[in-house]
């Protein structure tokens, strides 16, 4: 039998809007709506028990009764700040009572408690008393907060839902120095409009936290969004950098675009990182891993106990990146993945995209240990199987909708084309350049 109970008898109110409880059965959803709940949050991973309701069934049951549904699955060992912030957002945006559940209610309460401490409304040492008041064991929250306080660097993620991209401000608490990694410049291909919403949000955070930008870093020339590196360089004066093999990408796309005037020496960036090169972010040691496969130029930044892997590894439930862009190769991607997963098992891995499988909230942080044991494309898979599976899957994928506009910007460090005689800038689309790609 699954662990299901009546929500009326089990729900515990822990804030003016939030109630937590163990897993309800689907037959309890009419009672939830009748009790006045306006949304349901599931913090339980799908398949945790064989006969628990699947998230899609919960969503249908909630929406049939006029309630919103949010899927933010966590385990005690895998809670991240992204989960905490998604939980807070789901509660804040609900106009009325919220019913959150997991198997026992502990994870739901822990997400709320962690957010209260992070935002300064509750002191960490007061968690035992708070747990006693709620009748909930908050040791999961206490352990998470203690571990988070010791982590270096501090990492703030920014998610862009238009391109499913994660951007990062990576800072050294001791010095206030930071690096910005893979910032997004907003672009609407329908109107041809460029905006700086994402980049300006990063700048506001930097100002609020009184940080000094030391580096603006890209992991590779992106195919699915424009880079805001040049815009942020103009705003902050911080140097821009990317991997040294960007010159190979420039030469490749120079041919595709028939772009004879393009400089292919990487001079559009202030610095080109070589494989194994070391640098610092404040007092924190950092180094570069050459990570080709997705592109010819992809690199991983290892900063303190964190690695920024962008389009190599996604979250464990999403697998790995495609390797069929011009210059990509599945065998190289496998070798890059092996090098990343050879890092210490508690290394935090920050990915560059999350496509929210199963409709869950966006996530972008995992660990080497989690990826080794849980990545759907890697765990228990041989090199030959990975390559065959990756190549077969890639053949079925359409190209990113922005690949042809984006590469013109991104192989120039985020710079727009020069204005023509009428003062307007133009993007060039090579017809048939990627003709073998699948259509949507």
Protein backbone atom coordinates (compact mmCIF):
# COMPACT_ATOMS: atom_id res chain seq x y z
CA UNK A 1 0.00 0.00 0.00
CA UNK A 2 1.21 3.52 -0.73
CA UNK A 3 1.67 6.02 2.11
CA UNK A 4 -1.56 8.00 1.69
CA UNK A 5 -3.53 9.76 4.40
CA UNK A 6 -6.43 12.17 4.63
CA UNK A 7 -5.13 15.73 4.16
CA UNK A 8 -7.75 17.06 6.58
CA UNK A 9 -6.29 15.08 9.45
CA UNK A 10 -2.61 15.39 8.55
CA UNK A 11 -1.95 18.89 7.20
CA UNK A 12 0.17 21.09 9.47
CA UNK A 13 0.10 24.85 9.05
CA UNK A 14 3.60 26.30 9.15
CA UNK A 15 2.99 29.81 7.79
CA UNK A 16 0.07 32.07 6.99
CA UNK A 17 -0.32 30.34 3.61
CA UNK A 18 1.63 27.08 3.74
CA UNK A 19 0.41 23.71 4.96
CA UNK A 20 2.50 20.52 4.79
CA UNK A 21 1.47 16.89 4.88
CA UNK A 22 2.41 13.37 3.85
CA UNK A 23 1.48 12.10 0.38
CA UNK A 24 -2.28 12.35 -0.26
CA UNK A 25 -4.11 9.93 -2.49
CA UNK A 26 -5.73 11.19 -5.67
CA UNK A 27 -9.12 10.77 -4.05
CA UNK A 28 -8.17 13.44 -1.51
CA UNK A 29 -7.87 16.24 -4.09
CA UNK A 30 -11.57 17.14 -4.04
CA UNK A 31 -11.27 17.55 -0.26
CA UNK A 32 -8.22 19.79 -0.72
CA UNK A 33 -10.15 22.06 -3.06
CA UNK A 34 -13.17 22.04 -0.76
CA UNK A 35 -10.91 23.05 2.13
CA UNK A 36 -9.86 26.16 0.19
CA UNK A 37 -6.42 25.18 -1.06
CA UNK A 38 -5.43 27.05 -4.22
CA UNK A 39 -2.32 25.10 -5.19
CA UNK A 40 -0.57 21.82 -4.53
CA UNK A 41 3.21 21.38 -4.41
CA UNK A 42 4.66 17.90 -4.79
CA UNK A 43 8.18 17.55 -3.40
CA UNK A 44 8.29 13.83 -3.99
CA UNK A 45 10.31 12.36 -6.89
CA UNK A 46 8.30 10.29 -9.32
CA UNK A 47 8.63 6.56 -8.63
CA UNK A 48 9.88 6.90 -5.08
CA UNK A 49 7.36 4.18 -4.28
CA UNK A 50 5.95 1.90 -6.98
CA UNK A 51 2.32 2.75 -6.32
CA UNK A 52 2.48 6.44 -5.44
CA UNK A 53 0.49 8.81 -7.70
CA UNK A 54 2.57 10.03 -10.63
CA UNK A 55 3.06 13.81 -10.94
CA UNK A 56 0.98 13.98 -14.14
CA UNK A 57 -1.94 12.33 -12.35
CA UNK A 58 -1.61 14.74 -9.43
CA UNK A 59 -1.56 17.66 -11.83
CA UNK A 60 -4.71 16.48 -13.57
CA UNK A 61 -6.44 15.94 -10.22
CA UNK A 62 -5.41 19.39 -8.98
CA UNK A 63 -6.32 21.28 -12.13
CA UNK A 64 -9.66 19.47 -12.41
CA UNK A 65 -10.57 21.11 -9.10
CA UNK A 66 -9.23 24.55 -10.03
CA UNK A 67 -5.93 24.24 -8.13
CA UNK A 68 -2.48 24.99 -9.53
CA UNK A 69 0.15 22.26 -9.40
CA UNK A 70 3.91 22.57 -8.91
CA UNK A 71 6.38 19.68 -9.20
CA UNK A 72 9.56 20.38 -7.21
CA UNK A 73 10.99 16.90 -6.50
CA UNK A 74 13.82 16.59 -3.97
CA UNK A 75 15.46 14.07 -1.70
CA UNK A 76 17.10 14.92 1.60
CA UNK A 77 20.51 14.56 -0.05
CA UNK A 78 19.83 16.53 -3.23
CA UNK A 79 18.12 19.75 -2.13
CA UNK A 80 19.62 22.78 -3.86
CA UNK A 81 19.01 26.50 -3.53
CA UNK A 82 17.17 26.37 -6.86
CA UNK A 83 14.63 24.02 -5.25
CA UNK A 84 14.25 26.33 -2.26
CA UNK A 85 13.66 29.35 -4.48
CA UNK A 86 11.19 27.47 -6.69
CA UNK A 87 9.29 26.41 -3.57
CA UNK A 88 9.19 29.99 -2.27
CA UNK A 89 8.02 31.28 -5.65
CA UNK A 90 5.23 28.71 -5.87
CA UNK A 91 3.96 29.73 -2.44
CA UNK A 92 4.34 33.47 -3.01
CA UNK A 93 2.53 33.43 -6.35
CA UNK A 94 -0.47 31.51 -5.02
CA UNK A 95 -3.41 33.66 -4.02
CA UNK A 96 -4.54 31.55 -1.09
CA UNK A 97 -3.56 28.48 0.95
CA UNK A 98 -0.91 26.10 -0.40
CA UNK A 99 -0.77 22.35 0.27
CA UNK A 100 2.78 20.94 0.01
CA UNK A 101 3.62 17.29 0.42
CA UNK A 102 6.29 14.64 0.16
CA UNK A 103 6.32 11.17 1.73
CA UNK A 104 6.18 12.47 5.28
CA UNK A 105 6.14 16.28 4.98
CA UNK A 106 9.72 16.69 6.20
CA UNK A 107 11.19 17.70 2.84
CA UNK A 108 8.43 20.26 2.25
CA UNK A 109 9.01 21.77 5.69
CA UNK A 110 12.77 21.71 5.14
CA UNK A 111 12.52 23.68 1.89
CA UNK A 112 10.47 26.34 3.66
CA UNK A 113 12.81 26.45 6.67
CA UNK A 114 15.95 26.74 4.54
CA UNK A 115 14.42 29.69 2.68
CA UNK A 116 13.52 31.41 5.94
CA UNK A 117 17.13 31.14 7.15
CA UNK A 118 18.67 32.17 3.83
CA UNK A 119 16.47 35.27 3.77
CA UNK A 120 17.28 36.19 7.36
CA UNK A 121 13.83 35.73 8.87
CA UNK A 122 14.93 32.80 11.05
CA UNK A 123 18.29 32.15 12.71
CA UNK A 124 19.90 28.79 12.01
CA UNK A 125 20.20 28.03 15.72
CA UNK A 126 16.43 28.46 16.11
CA UNK A 127 15.58 25.57 13.78
CA UNK A 128 15.19 22.94 16.55
CA UNK A 129 12.65 25.11 18.36
CA UNK A 130 10.85 25.84 15.10
CA UNK A 131 10.73 22.15 14.28
CA UNK A 132 9.34 21.45 17.71
CA UNK A 133 6.62 24.03 17.17
CA UNK A 134 5.64 22.43 13.86
CA UNK A 135 6.15 18.87 15.08
CA UNK A 136 8.62 18.29 12.24
CA UNK A 137 12.25 17.09 12.29
CA UNK A 138 14.27 19.89 10.67
CA UNK A 139 17.65 18.16 10.87
CA UNK A 140 17.72 17.93 7.06
CA UNK A 141 17.46 21.72 6.85
CA UNK A 142 20.07 22.21 9.57
CA UNK A 143 22.57 19.92 7.82
CA UNK A 144 21.97 21.60 4.47
CA UNK A 145 22.55 25.06 5.91
CA UNK A 146 25.70 24.00 7.75
CA UNK A 147 27.12 22.48 4.59
CA UNK A 148 26.12 25.47 2.49
CA UNK A 149 27.90 27.85 4.87
CA UNK A 150 31.17 26.00 4.31
CA UNK A 151 31.01 25.86 0.52
CA UNK A 152 33.38 27.90 -1.58
CA UNK A 153 32.64 29.55 -3.91
CA UNK A 154 29.20 31.03 -3.35
CA UNK A 155 27.12 30.41 -6.46
CA UNK A 156 24.01 32.32 -7.50
CA UNK A 157 22.10 30.88 -10.45
CA UNK A 158 19.85 32.84 -12.80
CA UNK A 159 17.45 30.86 -15.01
CA UNK A 160 16.17 32.17 -18.34
CA UNK A 161 12.94 30.32 -19.18
CA UNK A 162 12.95 31.52 -22.81
CA UNK A 163 16.14 29.59 -23.60
CA UNK A 164 16.16 27.22 -20.58
CA UNK A 165 19.60 28.63 -19.76
CA UNK A 166 21.35 28.84 -16.40
CA UNK A 167 23.72 31.75 -15.79
CA UNK A 168 25.95 32.17 -12.77
CA UNK A 169 27.60 34.67 -10.49
CA UNK A 170 30.43 32.82 -8.76
CA UNK A 171 31.88 34.72 -5.82
CA UNK A 172 34.55 34.46 -3.16
CA UNK A 173 33.02 35.41 0.22
CA UNK A 174 36.43 36.35 1.59
CA UNK A 175 37.18 39.05 -0.98
CA UNK A 176 33.89 39.90 -2.72
CA UNK A 177 35.47 39.15 -6.09
CA UNK A 178 33.28 37.29 -8.57
CA UNK A 179 33.05 35.80 -12.03
CA UNK A 180 29.99 35.89 -14.26
CA UNK A 181 29.60 32.70 -16.29
CA UNK A 182 27.55 32.23 -19.49
CA UNK A 183 25.36 35.35 -19.29
CA UNK A 184 22.38 35.59 -21.68
CA UNK A 185 21.60 38.52 -23.95
CA UNK A 186 17.86 38.48 -24.67
CA UNK A 187 16.80 38.16 -28.31
CA UNK A 188 13.35 37.82 -29.85
CA UNK A 189 13.79 36.31 -33.30
CA UNK A 190 10.24 37.20 -34.32
CA UNK A 191 10.78 40.94 -33.99
CA UNK A 192 14.57 41.05 -34.20
CA UNK A 193 14.67 42.83 -30.83
CA UNK A 194 17.58 42.64 -28.41
CA UNK A 195 17.22 43.34 -24.68
CA UNK A 196 19.34 43.10 -21.54
CA UNK A 197 16.83 41.81 -18.98
CA UNK A 198 18.93 38.83 -17.90
CA UNK A 199 22.22 40.70 -17.86
CA UNK A 200 20.74 43.59 -15.88
CA UNK A 201 19.37 41.18 -13.28
CA UNK A 202 22.92 39.89 -12.84
CA UNK A 203 24.25 43.43 -12.48
CA UNK A 204 21.62 44.22 -9.84
CA UNK A 205 22.64 41.15 -7.84
CA UNK A 206 26.31 42.11 -8.10
CA UNK A 207 25.50 45.61 -6.84
CA UNK A 208 23.23 44.39 -4.02
CA UNK A 209 25.87 41.96 -2.79
CA UNK A 210 28.63 44.56 -3.22
CA UNK A 211 30.66 42.27 -5.42
CA UNK A 212 33.46 43.22 -7.80
CA UNK A 213 33.38 41.51 -11.18
CA UNK A 214 36.80 40.01 -11.89
CA UNK A 215 35.94 37.86 -14.91
CA UNK A 216 33.20 37.45 -17.52
CA UNK A 217 33.45 33.87 -18.73
CA UNK A 218 31.84 31.83 -21.48
CA UNK A 219 32.20 28.05 -21.60
CA UNK A 220 31.81 27.94 -25.41
CA UNK A 221 30.12 29.82 -28.27
CA UNK A 222 26.48 29.09 -27.55
CA UNK A 223 24.03 27.92 -30.21
CA UNK A 224 20.76 28.62 -28.40
CA UNK A 225 21.17 32.09 -26.97
CA UNK A 226 23.19 35.25 -27.48
CA UNK A 227 26.06 35.90 -25.09
CA UNK A 228 25.89 39.04 -22.94
CA UNK A 229 29.65 38.95 -22.33
CA UNK A 230 30.43 42.08 -24.35
CA UNK A 231 27.54 44.04 -22.83
CA UNK A 232 28.70 43.16 -19.31
CA UNK A 233 32.30 43.99 -20.20
CA UNK A 234 31.16 47.46 -21.25
CA UNK A 235 29.21 47.87 -18.00
CA UNK A 236 31.86 46.55 -15.60
CA UNK A 237 35.22 46.79 -17.37
CA UNK A 238 35.98 43.18 -16.38
CA UNK A 239 37.91 41.07 -18.89
CA UNK A 240 36.10 38.51 -21.02
CA UNK A 241 37.45 35.01 -21.56
CA UNK A 242 36.69 31.73 -23.32
CA UNK A 243 38.61 28.59 -24.30
CA UNK A 244 41.52 28.90 -26.73
CA UNK A 245 39.92 26.51 -29.21
CA UNK A 246 37.32 29.16 -30.01
CA UNK A 247 39.56 29.99 -32.96
CA UNK A 248 38.68 26.57 -34.44
CA UNK A 249 34.98 27.39 -34.08
CA UNK A 250 35.55 30.78 -35.68
CA UNK A 251 37.29 29.20 -38.68
CA UNK A 252 34.53 26.63 -39.07
CA UNK A 253 31.72 29.18 -38.99
CA UNK A 254 33.66 31.68 -41.08
CA UNK A 255 33.38 29.13 -43.88
CA UNK A 256 29.69 28.43 -43.20
CA UNK A 257 28.84 32.14 -43.25
CA UNK A 258 31.29 32.96 -46.06
CA UNK A 259 32.48 35.67 -43.70
CA UNK A 260 35.90 36.60 -45.04
CA UNK A 261 36.31 39.70 -42.87
CA UNK A 262 35.79 37.78 -39.59
CA UNK A 263 38.91 37.75 -37.43
CA UNK A 264 39.65 34.15 -36.45
CA UNK A 265 42.33 34.72 -33.83
CA UNK A 266 40.09 35.00 -30.75
CA UNK A 267 40.91 38.69 -30.36
CA UNK A 268 37.25 39.43 -29.56
CA UNK A 269 37.98 38.25 -25.99
CA UNK A 270 40.48 39.64 -23.52
CA UNK A 271 41.84 36.20 -22.67
CA UNK A 272 41.82 32.70 -24.18
CA UNK A 273 42.18 29.86 -21.66
CA UNK A 274 44.33 26.85 -22.49
CA UNK A 275 43.59 23.35 -21.19
CA UNK A 276 44.81 23.07 -17.60
CA UNK A 277 45.40 26.79 -17.22
CA UNK A 278 45.04 28.10 -13.69
CA UNK A 279 43.60 31.40 -12.54
CA UNK A 280 41.86 32.83 -9.48
CA UNK A 281 38.50 34.26 -8.48
CA UNK A 282 39.39 36.36 -5.47
CA UNK A 283 41.32 34.02 -3.18
CA UNK A 284 39.86 30.89 -4.76
CA UNK A 285 41.92 28.69 -7.04
CA UNK A 286 40.41 27.92 -10.43
CA UNK A 287 41.43 25.89 -13.45
CA UNK A 288 40.23 25.00 -16.92
CA UNK A 289 39.38 21.59 -18.34
CA UNK A 290 39.14 21.32 -22.12
CA UNK A 291 35.78 19.57 -22.64
CA UNK A 292 35.12 19.16 -26.38
CA UNK A 293 32.39 17.05 -27.92
CA UNK A 294 29.42 19.36 -27.77
CA UNK A 295 31.54 21.94 -29.62
CA UNK A 296 35.18 22.18 -30.64
CA UNK A 297 35.82 24.83 -27.98
CA UNK A 298 33.84 23.73 -24.91
CA UNK A 299 35.61 24.10 -21.57
CA UNK A 300 34.77 23.46 -17.92
CA UNK A 301 35.67 25.96 -15.22
CA UNK A 302 36.63 24.30 -11.91
CA UNK A 303 36.44 26.96 -9.19
CA UNK A 304 36.93 25.82 -5.59
CA UNK A 305 34.58 22.87 -5.03
CA UNK A 306 32.40 23.73 -8.03
CA UNK A 307 32.63 22.92 -11.74
CA UNK A 308 30.71 24.79 -14.44
CA UNK A 309 30.07 22.23 -17.14
CA UNK A 310 27.44 23.92 -19.32
CA UNK A 311 26.54 21.78 -22.37
CA UNK A 312 28.26 18.55 -21.37
CA UNK A 313 26.20 17.12 -18.50
CA UNK A 314 22.64 18.12 -17.71
CA UNK A 315 20.77 17.18 -14.54
CA UNK A 316 20.73 13.41 -13.90
CA UNK A 317 17.14 13.06 -15.13
CA UNK A 318 18.03 14.85 -18.38
CA UNK A 319 21.26 13.10 -19.37
CA UNK A 320 23.92 14.72 -21.52
CA UNK A 321 24.28 17.31 -24.26
CA UNK A 322 24.01 16.70 -27.99
CA UNK A 323 27.17 16.29 -30.04
CA UNK A 324 25.95 16.92 -33.58
CA UNK A 325 26.63 20.62 -34.01
CA UNK A 326 29.30 21.46 -36.61
CA UNK A 327 32.56 20.27 -35.01
CA UNK A 328 30.84 18.15 -32.37
CA UNK A 329 31.65 14.48 -31.79
CA UNK A 330 30.05 11.96 -29.42
CA UNK A 331 33.32 10.14 -28.73
CA UNK A 332 34.97 13.37 -27.62
CA UNK A 333 31.97 14.18 -25.46
CA UNK A 334 32.32 10.82 -23.70
CA UNK A 335 36.00 11.52 -22.97
CA UNK A 336 35.12 14.96 -21.63
CA UNK A 337 32.41 13.48 -19.41
CA UNK A 338 34.87 10.93 -18.03
CA UNK A 339 37.28 13.72 -17.09
CA UNK A 340 34.55 15.71 -15.36
CA UNK A 341 33.27 12.68 -13.45
CA UNK A 342 36.82 11.95 -12.31
CA UNK A 343 36.62 15.05 -10.10
CA UNK A 344 36.03 14.43 -6.36
CA UNK A 345 32.56 12.98 -5.82
CA UNK A 346 31.37 15.92 -3.71
CA UNK A 347 32.26 18.45 -6.44
CA UNK A 348 29.22 20.55 -7.26
CA UNK A 349 28.37 20.49 -10.96
CA UNK A 350 26.52 23.45 -12.43
CA UNK A 351 24.97 22.86 -15.82
CA UNK A 352 24.02 25.42 -18.42
CA UNK A 353 20.53 24.29 -19.37
CA UNK A 354 17.54 22.58 -17.80
CA UNK A 355 14.59 21.48 -19.91
CA UNK A 356 12.44 20.53 -16.89
CA UNK A 357 11.55 16.91 -17.67
CA UNK A 358 8.18 15.83 -16.32
CA UNK A 359 7.21 19.45 -15.84
CA UNK A 360 9.35 19.86 -12.73
CA UNK A 361 10.75 23.20 -11.61
CA UNK A 362 14.13 24.19 -13.09
CA UNK A 363 17.26 22.78 -11.45
CA UNK A 364 20.91 23.23 -12.36
CA UNK A 365 23.07 21.89 -9.51
CA UNK A 366 24.14 18.31 -8.86
CA UNK A 367 27.29 16.51 -7.69
CA UNK A 368 29.74 14.17 -9.32
CA UNK A 369 28.42 11.36 -7.10
CA UNK A 370 24.81 11.99 -8.18
CA UNK A 371 25.80 12.02 -11.84
CA UNK A 372 27.85 8.84 -11.61
CA UNK A 373 24.98 6.89 -10.10
CA UNK A 374 21.91 8.58 -11.55
CA UNK A 375 22.54 10.16 -14.96
CA UNK A 376 20.16 8.51 -17.41
CA UNK A 377 22.74 8.58 -20.23
CA UNK A 378 25.80 7.59 -18.20
CA UNK A 379 25.07 5.40 -15.17
CA UNK A 380 26.06 1.83 -15.97
CA UNK A 381 26.60 2.64 -19.65
CA UNK A 382 29.64 1.65 -21.72
CA UNK A 383 31.49 4.02 -24.03
CA UNK A 384 30.25 2.19 -27.14
CA UNK A 385 26.64 2.23 -25.95
CA UNK A 386 26.83 5.90 -25.06
CA UNK A 387 28.22 6.86 -28.47
CA UNK A 388 25.64 4.79 -30.36
CA UNK A 389 22.77 6.10 -28.25
CA UNK A 390 23.98 9.71 -28.42
CA UNK A 391 24.43 9.64 -32.19
CA UNK A 392 21.03 8.02 -32.77
CA UNK A 393 19.29 10.52 -30.51
CA UNK A 394 21.06 13.49 -32.09
CA UNK A 395 19.79 12.51 -35.55
CA UNK A 396 16.23 12.97 -34.29
CA UNK A 397 16.78 16.42 -32.77
CA UNK A 398 16.00 19.63 -34.67
CA UNK A 399 18.60 22.37 -34.54
CA UNK A 400 18.15 25.06 -31.86
CA UNK A 401 15.93 27.82 -33.23
CA UNK A 402 18.64 30.46 -32.67
CA UNK A 403 21.74 28.57 -33.85
CA UNK A 404 22.28 30.52 -37.08
CA UNK A 405 21.66 33.98 -35.58
CA UNK A 406 23.44 33.18 -32.30
CA UNK A 407 26.74 31.92 -33.70
CA UNK A 408 27.26 35.20 -35.58
CA UNK A 409 27.11 37.01 -32.27
CA UNK A 410 28.86 34.50 -30.07
CA UNK A 411 31.96 33.86 -32.18
CA UNK A 412 32.56 37.60 -31.78
CA UNK A 413 32.32 37.57 -27.98
CA UNK A 414 28.72 38.80 -27.88
CA UNK A 415 29.17 41.70 -30.29
CA UNK A 416 26.38 42.69 -32.66
CA UNK A 417 27.09 43.04 -36.41
CA UNK A 418 28.35 46.44 -37.48
CA UNK A 419 25.59 48.82 -38.64
CA UNK A 420 25.13 49.20 -42.38
CA UNK A 421 24.69 52.45 -44.33
CA UNK A 422 21.15 52.94 -43.02
CA UNK A 423 22.30 52.55 -39.42
CA UNK A 424 20.60 49.18 -38.98
CA UNK A 425 22.36 45.93 -38.09
CA UNK A 426 21.64 42.68 -39.96
CA UNK A 427 22.07 38.98 -39.27
CA UNK A 428 23.02 36.62 -42.08
CA UNK A 429 21.26 33.26 -42.54
CA UNK A 430 23.10 30.75 -44.76
CA UNK A 431 20.44 28.78 -46.63
CA UNK A 432 20.95 25.02 -46.47
CA UNK A 433 24.03 25.15 -44.23
CA UNK A 434 22.52 22.64 -41.78
CA UNK A 435 20.26 20.85 -44.26
CA UNK A 436 20.77 17.37 -42.74
CA UNK A 437 19.22 18.35 -39.40
CA UNK A 438 15.81 17.01 -38.42
CA UNK A 439 12.81 19.33 -38.69
CA UNK A 440 10.41 19.91 -35.84
